[in-house]
Every structure is written in structure tokens, then in C-alpha cells.
Amino acid sequence: MLVDNLTTSSFSVAVQRTFDGKHPCALCKAIAEGKKSEKKSDSLVSLKKFEGLNEPVGVVILPAASFPTVDAQDAPFETLLRTPPTPPPRAA
């Protein structure tokens, strides 16, 4: 719609005509017709009682038996502690 309005008027007028609601395009008109034809009952959600298990279900969460250890030499942060090479590399 904005593109169509730009072909016949200035930018500010085209933006105003596009969004003022007084000059709808064919797509806007089709959407408005679709909204009018929707049934009101379709938009309402019917609430129903949830019928699930009648018995309470117990959940047991067990902690891990052990946690793996990480050696300081193998840790990824160890590489961040190294000093940069001297002299610094030059861009090729």
C-alpha cells in the first residue's frame, strides 16, 4: 500500500494515507470482511474439566552418586591465562 501511494504522492502524504485507516487497500478490505464473517462462538474457548489420573503420583529425584573432577591442566580457562606471543602477530 505504501509503495502504491508513493507512486502518486510525496513520502509524508503516502505514509499518512497508508496508515490513516480511511484509504484501505484490497488486502485490508479482505481482512475486514473475513473478520466480519467469523462466528463469535468460534472465538470462545469451552472449558472442560480435566479428567486425568485419580491417584497421586510420587516423583523421586535422586542426586548424582559422584561428580566428575576436572584437572586444572585440562581446563579450558587455562588457555586464557597465557600471555600473548611476543611480538604480536602481524596481519598478512
C-alpha atoms as a PDB file:
ATOM      1  CA  MET A   1       0.000   0.000   0.000  1.00  0.00           C
ATOM      2  CA  LEU A   2       2.787   2.413   0.883  1.00  0.00           C
ATOM      3  CA  VAL A   3       4.541   1.694  -2.402  1.00  0.00           C
ATOM      4  CA  ASP A   4       1.355   2.345  -4.356  1.00  0.00           C
ATOM      5  CA  ASN A   5       0.828   5.647  -2.528  1.00  0.00           C
ATOM      6  CA  LEU A   6       4.438   6.689  -3.141  1.00  0.00           C
ATOM      7  CA  THR A   7       3.913   6.480  -6.893  1.00  0.00           C
ATOM      8  CA  THR A   8       1.246   9.190  -6.750  1.00  0.00           C
ATOM      9  CA  SER A   9       2.254  11.416  -3.816  1.00  0.00           C
ATOM     10  CA  SER A  10       5.110  12.543  -1.562  1.00  0.00           C
ATOM     11  CA  PHE A  11       6.542  10.346   1.180  1.00  0.00           C
ATOM     12  CA  SER A  12       4.789  12.088   4.084  1.00  0.00           C
ATOM     13  CA  VAL A  13       1.406  12.068   2.325  1.00  0.00           C
ATOM     14  CA  ALA A  14       1.875   8.415   1.284  1.00  0.00           C
ATOM     15  CA  VAL A  15       2.643   7.348   4.860  1.00  0.00           C
ATOM     16  CA  GLN A  16      -0.338   9.301   6.152  1.00  0.00           C
ATOM     17  CA  ARG A  17      -2.706   7.752   3.583  1.00  0.00           C
ATOM     18  CA  THR A  18      -1.348   4.252   4.244  1.00  0.00           C
ATOM     19  CA  PHE A  19      -1.927   4.296   7.991  1.00  0.00           C
ATOM     20  CA  ASP A  20      -4.898   6.647   8.492  1.00  0.00           C
ATOM     21  CA  GLY A  21      -7.499   3.877   8.066  1.00  0.00           C
ATOM     22  CA  LYS A  22      -9.594   5.941   5.658  1.00  0.00           C
ATOM     23  CA  HIS A  23      -7.985   4.542   2.498  1.00  0.00           C
ATOM     24  CA  PRO A  24      -7.825   0.727   2.898  1.00  0.00           C
ATOM     25  CA  CYS A  25      -6.221  -1.398   0.218  1.00  0.00           C
ATOM     26  CA  ALA A  26      -7.750  -4.564  -1.241  1.00  0.00           C
ATOM     27  CA  LEU A  27      -5.938  -6.749   1.292  1.00  0.00           C
ATOM     28  CA  CYS A  28      -7.200  -4.637   4.219  1.00  0.00           C
ATOM     29  CA  LYS A  29     -10.745  -4.888   2.862  1.00  0.00           C
ATOM     30  CA  ALA A  30     -10.462  -8.675   2.512  1.00  0.00           C
ATOM     31  CA  ILE A  31      -9.212  -8.979   6.099  1.00  0.00           C
ATOM     32  CA  ALA A  32     -12.072  -6.823   7.382  1.00  0.00           C
ATOM     33  CA  GLU A  33     -14.609  -8.989   5.511  1.00  0.00           C
ATOM     34  CA  GLY A  34     -13.027 -12.128   6.959  1.00  0.00           C
ATOM     35  CA  LYS A  35     -13.283 -10.748  10.481  1.00  0.00           C
ATOM     36  CA  LYS A  36     -16.961  -9.919   9.960  1.00  0.00           C
ATOM     37  CA  SER A  37     -17.739 -13.427   8.726  1.00  0.00           C
ATOM     38  CA  GLU A  38     -16.106 -15.173  11.695  1.00  0.00           C
ATOM     39  CA  LYS A  39     -18.519 -16.697  14.139  1.00  0.00           C
ATOM     40  CA  LYS A  40     -18.466 -15.337  17.663  1.00  0.00           C
ATOM     41  CA  SER A  41     -18.801 -18.839  19.144  1.00  0.00           C
ATOM     42  CA  ASP A  42     -15.593 -19.978  17.445  1.00  0.00           C
ATOM     43  CA  SER A  43     -13.556 -17.462  19.377  1.00  0.00           C
ATOM     44  CA  LEU A  44     -14.870 -18.629  22.757  1.00  0.00           C
ATOM     45  CA  VAL A  45     -12.989 -21.465  24.342  1.00  0.00           C
ATOM     46  CA  SER A  46     -15.120 -24.052  26.025  1.00  0.00           C
ATOM     47  CA  LEU A  47     -13.679 -25.059  29.371  1.00  0.00           C
ATOM     48  CA  LYS A  48     -13.800 -28.715  30.242  1.00  0.00           C
ATOM     49  CA  LYS A  49     -12.849 -30.490  33.395  1.00  0.00           C
ATOM     50  CA  PHE A  50      -9.542 -32.299  33.095  1.00  0.00           C
ATOM     51  CA  GLU A  51     -10.043 -35.983  33.652  1.00  0.00           C
ATOM     52  CA  GLY A  52      -6.679 -37.482  34.334  1.00  0.00           C
ATOM     53  CA  LEU A  53      -5.268 -39.823  36.894  1.00  0.00           C
ATOM     54  CA  ASN A  54      -7.239 -40.064  40.108  1.00  0.00           C
ATOM     55  CA  GLU A  55      -4.290 -41.376  42.098  1.00  0.00           C
ATOM     56  CA  PRO A  56      -1.499 -39.125  43.344  1.00  0.00           C
ATOM     57  CA  VAL A  57       1.810 -39.744  41.619  1.00  0.00           C
ATOM     58  CA  GLY A  58       5.017 -39.567  43.620  1.00  0.00           C
ATOM     59  CA  VAL A  59       8.195 -38.309  41.994  1.00  0.00           C
ATOM     60  CA  VAL A  60      11.580 -39.127  43.459  1.00  0.00           C
ATOM     61  CA  ILE A  61      14.675 -37.190  42.375  1.00  0.00           C
ATOM     62  CA  LEU A  62      17.952 -38.754  43.361  1.00  0.00           C
ATOM     63  CA  PRO A  63      21.207 -36.798  43.436  1.00  0.00           C
ATOM     64  CA  ALA A  64      24.137 -37.948  41.329  1.00  0.00           C
ATOM     65  CA  ALA A  65      26.352 -40.523  43.014  1.00  0.00           C
ATOM     66  CA  SER A  66      29.508 -38.575  42.146  1.00  0.00           C
ATOM     67  CA  PHE A  67      30.598 -35.581  40.132  1.00  0.00           C
ATOM     68  CA  PRO A  68      33.459 -35.766  37.632  1.00  0.00           C
ATOM     69  CA  THR A  69      36.557 -33.843  38.586  1.00  0.00           C
ATOM     70  CA  VAL A  70      38.388 -31.627  36.142  1.00  0.00           C
ATOM     71  CA  ASP A  71      42.143 -31.321  36.217  1.00  0.00           C
ATOM     72  CA  ALA A  72      43.379 -27.711  36.219  1.00  0.00           C
ATOM     73  CA  GLN A  73      45.725 -28.516  33.324  1.00  0.00           C
ATOM     74  CA  ASP A  74      42.860 -29.710  31.143  1.00  0.00           C
ATOM     75  CA  ALA A  75      40.505 -26.830  31.965  1.00  0.00           C
ATOM     76  CA  PRO A  76      39.509 -24.593  29.017  1.00  0.00           C
ATOM     77  CA  PHE A  77      40.082 -21.414  31.029  1.00  0.00           C
ATOM     78  CA  GLU A  78      43.740 -22.319  31.369  1.00  0.00           C
ATOM     79  CA  THR A  79      44.355 -21.080  27.822  1.00  0.00           C
ATOM     80  CA  LEU A  80      43.069 -17.627  28.800  1.00  0.00           C
ATOM     81  CA  LEU A  81      45.802 -17.228  31.400  1.00  0.00           C
ATOM     82  CA  ARG A  82      48.633 -17.487  28.874  1.00  0.00           C
ATOM     83  CA  THR A  83      50.347 -14.289  27.772  1.00  0.00           C
ATOM     84  CA  PRO A  84      50.129 -13.326  24.100  1.00  0.00           C
ATOM     85  CA  PRO A  85      53.097 -14.155  21.850  1.00  0.00           C
ATOM     86  CA  THR A  86      55.820 -11.540  21.624  1.00  0.00           C
ATOM     87  CA  PRO A  87      55.999  -9.715  19.227  1.00  0.00           C
ATOM     88  CA  PRO A  88      52.314  -9.727  18.359  1.00  0.00           C
ATOM     89  CA  PRO A  89      51.436 -11.393  15.039  1.00  0.00           C
ATOM     90  CA  ARG A  90      51.112  -9.053  12.087  1.00  0.00           C
ATOM     91  CA  ALA A  91      48.218  -9.009   9.692  1.00  0.00           C
ATOM     92  CA  ALA A  92      49.081 -10.566   6.355  1.00  0.00           C
END
